Amino acid sequence: LNFPGATGNYNGCLNLGLIAEDVIRPLLGQPMSSRLPATTSTRILLVIWLLFTLIIGTIYRSNLTAFLTIPKYPARPETLQSMISVGAM
């Protein structure tokens, strides 16, 4: 993996911290860094990863919103028999 930086080239060195940052940032909804892959195969992998994180992030946020906004109340007793069975009387 060769990520050219803003100040130059990394000379083919793998910097695991930068790679981990580029992988985790889309999961947290952060913008991508200015370092872009140089090869076509890595760009395709990046696009697949970004689509995956977009789908997973959207599903997680929508489920979290639904969980926090829809209250879970116990079923109300509607008849006298159901009130007796619940123990309300």
N, C-alpha and C. Protein backbone atom coordinates (compact mmCIF):
# COMPACT_ATOMS: atom_id res chain seq x y z
N LEU A 1 0.84 -1.18 0.00
CA LEU A 1 0.00 0.00 0.00
C LEU A 1 0.88 1.23 0.00
N ASN A 2 0.63 2.09 -0.93
CA ASN A 2 1.43 3.29 -1.04
C ASN A 2 0.50 4.48 -1.01
N PHE A 3 0.47 5.20 0.09
CA PHE A 3 -0.37 6.37 0.24
C PHE A 3 0.48 7.62 0.13
N PRO A 4 0.39 8.36 -0.98
CA PRO A 4 1.14 9.60 -1.06
C PRO A 4 0.53 10.63 -0.12
N GLY A 5 1.33 11.27 0.68
CA GLY A 5 0.85 12.26 1.63
C GLY A 5 0.86 13.65 1.05
N ALA A 6 0.46 14.64 1.84
CA ALA A 6 0.41 16.02 1.38
C ALA A 6 1.82 16.58 1.19
N THR A 7 2.78 16.07 1.95
CA THR A 7 4.14 16.60 1.86
C THR A 7 5.06 15.73 1.02
N GLY A 8 4.59 14.61 0.56
CA GLY A 8 5.46 13.75 -0.24
C GLY A 8 4.98 12.32 -0.23
N ASN A 9 5.90 11.42 -0.41
CA ASN A 9 5.59 10.01 -0.54
C ASN A 9 6.08 9.28 0.71
N TYR A 10 5.34 8.23 1.10
CA TYR A 10 5.75 7.43 2.26
C TYR A 10 6.80 6.38 1.87
N ASN A 11 7.22 6.37 0.63
CA ASN A 11 8.24 5.45 0.13
C ASN A 11 7.87 3.99 0.34
N GLY A 12 6.60 3.66 0.22
CA GLY A 12 6.16 2.28 0.32
C GLY A 12 6.10 1.74 1.73
N CYS A 13 6.34 2.55 2.74
CA CYS A 13 6.30 2.08 4.12
C CYS A 13 4.85 1.95 4.58
N LEU A 14 4.58 0.90 5.31
CA LEU A 14 3.25 0.70 5.86
C LEU A 14 3.20 1.34 7.24
N ASN A 15 2.41 2.37 7.38
CA ASN A 15 2.20 3.00 8.66
C ASN A 15 0.86 2.50 9.18
N LEU A 16 0.88 1.56 10.10
CA LEU A 16 -0.35 0.91 10.55
C LEU A 16 -1.29 1.88 11.25
N GLY A 17 -0.75 2.89 11.89
CA GLY A 17 -1.62 3.88 12.54
C GLY A 17 -2.44 4.64 11.54
N LEU A 18 -1.83 5.05 10.45
CA LEU A 18 -2.56 5.78 9.41
C LEU A 18 -3.56 4.88 8.70
N ILE A 19 -3.20 3.63 8.49
CA ILE A 19 -4.12 2.70 7.85
C ILE A 19 -5.32 2.44 8.76
N ALA A 20 -5.08 2.24 10.04
CA ALA A 20 -6.18 2.02 10.98
C ALA A 20 -7.07 3.25 11.05
N GLU A 21 -6.47 4.42 11.01
CA GLU A 21 -7.26 5.65 11.03
C GLU A 21 -8.14 5.75 9.79
N ASP A 22 -7.60 5.42 8.63
CA ASP A 22 -8.39 5.47 7.40
C ASP A 22 -9.50 4.44 7.37
N VAL A 23 -9.32 3.33 8.08
CA VAL A 23 -10.35 2.28 8.11
C VAL A 23 -11.46 2.64 9.11
N ILE A 24 -11.10 3.24 10.23
CA ILE A 24 -12.07 3.50 11.30
C ILE A 24 -12.84 4.80 11.09
N ARG A 25 -12.24 5.80 10.46
CA ARG A 25 -12.90 7.09 10.28
C ARG A 25 -14.28 6.98 9.63
N PRO A 26 -14.46 6.24 8.54
CA PRO A 26 -15.81 6.17 7.95
C PRO A 26 -16.83 5.50 8.87
N LEU A 27 -16.40 4.57 9.70
CA LEU A 27 -17.32 3.92 10.63
C LEU A 27 -17.86 4.90 11.66
N LEU A 28 -17.06 5.91 12.00
CA LEU A 28 -17.46 6.90 12.99
C LEU A 28 -18.10 8.13 12.37
N GLY A 29 -18.26 8.13 11.06
CA GLY A 29 -18.88 9.26 10.39
C GLY A 29 -17.96 10.43 10.18
N GLN A 30 -16.67 10.22 10.27
CA GLN A 30 -15.69 11.28 10.07
C GLN A 30 -15.31 11.36 8.60
N PRO A 31 -14.87 12.54 8.14
CA PRO A 31 -14.47 12.65 6.73
C PRO A 31 -13.17 11.89 6.46
N MET A 32 -13.01 11.48 5.22
CA MET A 32 -11.80 10.78 4.82
C MET A 32 -10.62 11.74 4.82
N SER A 33 -9.44 11.21 5.01
CA SER A 33 -8.25 12.04 4.95
C SER A 33 -7.92 12.36 3.49
N SER A 34 -6.95 13.22 3.30
CA SER A 34 -6.61 13.63 1.93
C SER A 34 -5.74 12.60 1.22
N ARG A 35 -5.30 11.56 1.93
CA ARG A 35 -4.48 10.52 1.31
C ARG A 35 -5.39 9.56 0.54
N LEU A 36 -5.13 9.42 -0.73
CA LEU A 36 -5.92 8.51 -1.55
C LEU A 36 -5.03 7.41 -2.10
N PRO A 37 -5.57 6.22 -2.31
CA PRO A 37 -4.77 5.11 -2.83
C PRO A 37 -4.27 5.40 -4.25
N ALA A 38 -3.12 4.84 -4.57
CA ALA A 38 -2.51 5.10 -5.87
C ALA A 38 -2.93 4.06 -6.92
N THR A 39 -3.25 2.85 -6.50
CA THR A 39 -3.56 1.80 -7.48
C THR A 39 -5.07 1.63 -7.63
N THR A 40 -5.48 1.11 -8.77
CA THR A 40 -6.90 0.94 -9.07
C THR A 40 -7.53 -0.10 -8.16
N SER A 41 -6.84 -1.18 -7.88
CA SER A 41 -7.42 -2.23 -7.03
C SER A 41 -7.66 -1.71 -5.61
N THR A 42 -6.77 -0.88 -5.11
CA THR A 42 -6.96 -0.31 -3.78
C THR A 42 -8.09 0.69 -3.77
N ARG A 43 -8.26 1.42 -4.87
CA ARG A 43 -9.38 2.36 -4.96
C ARG A 43 -10.71 1.62 -4.98
N ILE A 44 -10.76 0.49 -5.68
CA ILE A 44 -11.99 -0.32 -5.70
C ILE A 44 -12.29 -0.85 -4.30
N LEU A 45 -11.27 -1.32 -3.61
CA LEU A 45 -11.45 -1.79 -2.24
C LEU A 45 -11.94 -0.65 -1.34
N LEU A 46 -11.42 0.55 -1.53
CA LEU A 46 -11.85 1.70 -0.75
C LEU A 46 -13.31 2.03 -1.01
N VAL A 47 -13.74 1.97 -2.26
CA VAL A 47 -15.14 2.25 -2.59
C VAL A 47 -16.06 1.20 -1.97
N ILE A 48 -15.67 -0.06 -2.03
CA ILE A 48 -16.47 -1.12 -1.41
C ILE A 48 -16.55 -0.91 0.10
N TRP A 49 -15.44 -0.54 0.73
CA TRP A 49 -15.43 -0.29 2.17
C TRP A 49 -16.31 0.90 2.52
N LEU A 50 -16.26 1.97 1.74
CA LEU A 50 -17.08 3.14 2.03
C LEU A 50 -18.57 2.83 1.87
N LEU A 51 -18.93 2.05 0.85
CA LEU A 51 -20.33 1.65 0.70
C LEU A 51 -20.79 0.78 1.87
N PHE A 52 -19.93 -0.14 2.30
CA PHE A 52 -20.24 -0.99 3.45
C PHE A 52 -20.45 -0.15 4.70
N THR A 53 -19.55 0.80 4.96
CA THR A 53 -19.69 1.62 6.16
C THR A 53 -20.90 2.54 6.07
N LEU A 54 -21.24 3.00 4.87
CA LEU A 54 -22.44 3.81 4.71
C LEU A 54 -23.69 3.02 5.07
N ILE A 55 -23.77 1.79 4.59
CA ILE A 55 -24.95 0.95 4.86
C ILE A 55 -25.03 0.58 6.34
N ILE A 56 -23.92 0.12 6.90
CA ILE A 56 -23.91 -0.28 8.32
C ILE A 56 -24.18 0.91 9.23
N GLY A 57 -23.58 2.05 8.93
CA GLY A 57 -23.80 3.25 9.75
C GLY A 57 -25.24 3.73 9.69
N THR A 58 -25.85 3.68 8.51
CA THR A 58 -27.24 4.10 8.37
C THR A 58 -28.17 3.15 9.12
N ILE A 59 -27.93 1.87 9.01
CA ILE A 59 -28.76 0.89 9.73
C ILE A 59 -28.62 1.09 11.24
N TYR A 60 -27.40 1.27 11.72
CA TYR A 60 -27.19 1.44 13.16
C TYR A 60 -27.87 2.71 13.66
N ARG A 61 -27.69 3.83 12.97
CA ARG A 61 -28.29 5.08 13.42
C ARG A 61 -29.81 5.03 13.38
N SER A 62 -30.39 4.40 12.36
CA SER A 62 -31.85 4.33 12.29
C SER A 62 -32.41 3.43 13.38
N ASN A 63 -31.75 2.32 13.65
CA ASN A 63 -32.22 1.45 14.74
C ASN A 63 -32.07 2.12 16.09
N LEU A 64 -30.99 2.87 16.29
CA LEU A 64 -30.79 3.58 17.55
C LEU A 64 -31.85 4.65 17.73
N THR A 65 -32.16 5.38 16.66
CA THR A 65 -33.20 6.40 16.73
C THR A 65 -34.55 5.78 17.05
N ALA A 66 -34.88 4.68 16.40
CA ALA A 66 -36.15 4.01 16.67
C ALA A 66 -36.21 3.49 18.10
N PHE A 67 -35.11 2.96 18.59
CA PHE A 67 -35.08 2.43 19.95
C PHE A 67 -35.26 3.55 20.98
N LEU A 68 -34.66 4.71 20.73
CA LEU A 68 -34.72 5.79 21.71
C LEU A 68 -36.00 6.61 21.62
N THR A 69 -36.70 6.60 20.50
CA THR A 69 -37.89 7.43 20.36
C THR A 69 -39.20 6.69 20.57
N ILE A 70 -39.24 5.39 20.39
CA ILE A 70 -40.47 4.64 20.57
C ILE A 70 -40.45 4.00 21.95
N PRO A 71 -41.30 4.46 22.87
CA PRO A 71 -41.29 3.90 24.22
C PRO A 71 -41.87 2.49 24.24
N LYS A 72 -41.39 1.71 25.15
CA LYS A 72 -41.87 0.33 25.32
C LYS A 72 -42.71 0.27 26.60
N TYR A 73 -43.99 0.39 26.42
CA TYR A 73 -44.90 0.31 27.56
C TYR A 73 -45.48 -1.10 27.64
N PRO A 74 -45.77 -1.56 28.86
CA PRO A 74 -46.44 -2.86 28.96
C PRO A 74 -47.86 -2.75 28.43
N ALA A 75 -48.41 -3.88 28.02
CA ALA A 75 -49.77 -3.90 27.47
C ALA A 75 -50.76 -3.47 28.54
N ARG A 76 -51.70 -2.61 28.15
CA ARG A 76 -52.72 -2.14 29.09
C ARG A 76 -53.82 -3.18 29.21
N PRO A 77 -54.29 -3.39 30.40
CA PRO A 77 -55.45 -4.28 30.54
C PRO A 77 -56.70 -3.57 30.01
N GLU A 78 -57.44 -4.22 29.15
CA GLU A 78 -58.61 -3.60 28.51
C GLU A 78 -59.93 -4.04 29.15
N THR A 79 -59.96 -5.23 29.72
CA THR A 79 -61.21 -5.74 30.31
C THR A 79 -61.01 -5.98 31.79
N LEU A 80 -62.09 -6.21 32.48
CA LEU A 80 -62.04 -6.49 33.91
C LEU A 80 -61.28 -7.79 34.18
N GLN A 81 -61.50 -8.78 33.33
CA GLN A 81 -60.81 -10.07 33.50
C GLN A 81 -59.30 -9.90 33.35
N SER A 82 -58.87 -9.10 32.37
CA SER A 82 -57.43 -8.89 32.20
C SER A 82 -56.84 -8.08 33.35
N MET A 83 -57.62 -7.16 33.94
CA MET A 83 -57.13 -6.41 35.11
C MET A 83 -56.95 -7.33 36.31
N ILE A 84 -57.85 -8.28 36.47
CA ILE A 84 -57.75 -9.23 37.58
C ILE A 84 -56.54 -10.14 37.39
N SER A 85 -56.32 -10.57 36.12
CA SER A 85 -55.20 -11.47 35.87
C SER A 85 -53.86 -10.76 36.02
N VAL A 86 -53.80 -9.47 35.76
CA VAL A 86 -52.57 -8.71 35.95
C VAL A 86 -52.31 -8.44 37.42
N GLY A 87 -53.37 -8.37 38.21
CA GLY A 87 -53.23 -8.12 39.63
C GLY A 87 -53.47 -6.66 39.98
N ALA A 88 -54.17 -5.96 39.12
CA ALA A 88 -54.43 -4.54 39.37
C ALA A 88 -55.57 -4.34 40.37
N MET A 89 -56.35 -5.36 40.58
CA MET A 89 -57.47 -5.20 41.52
C MET A 89 -57.33 -6.15 42.67
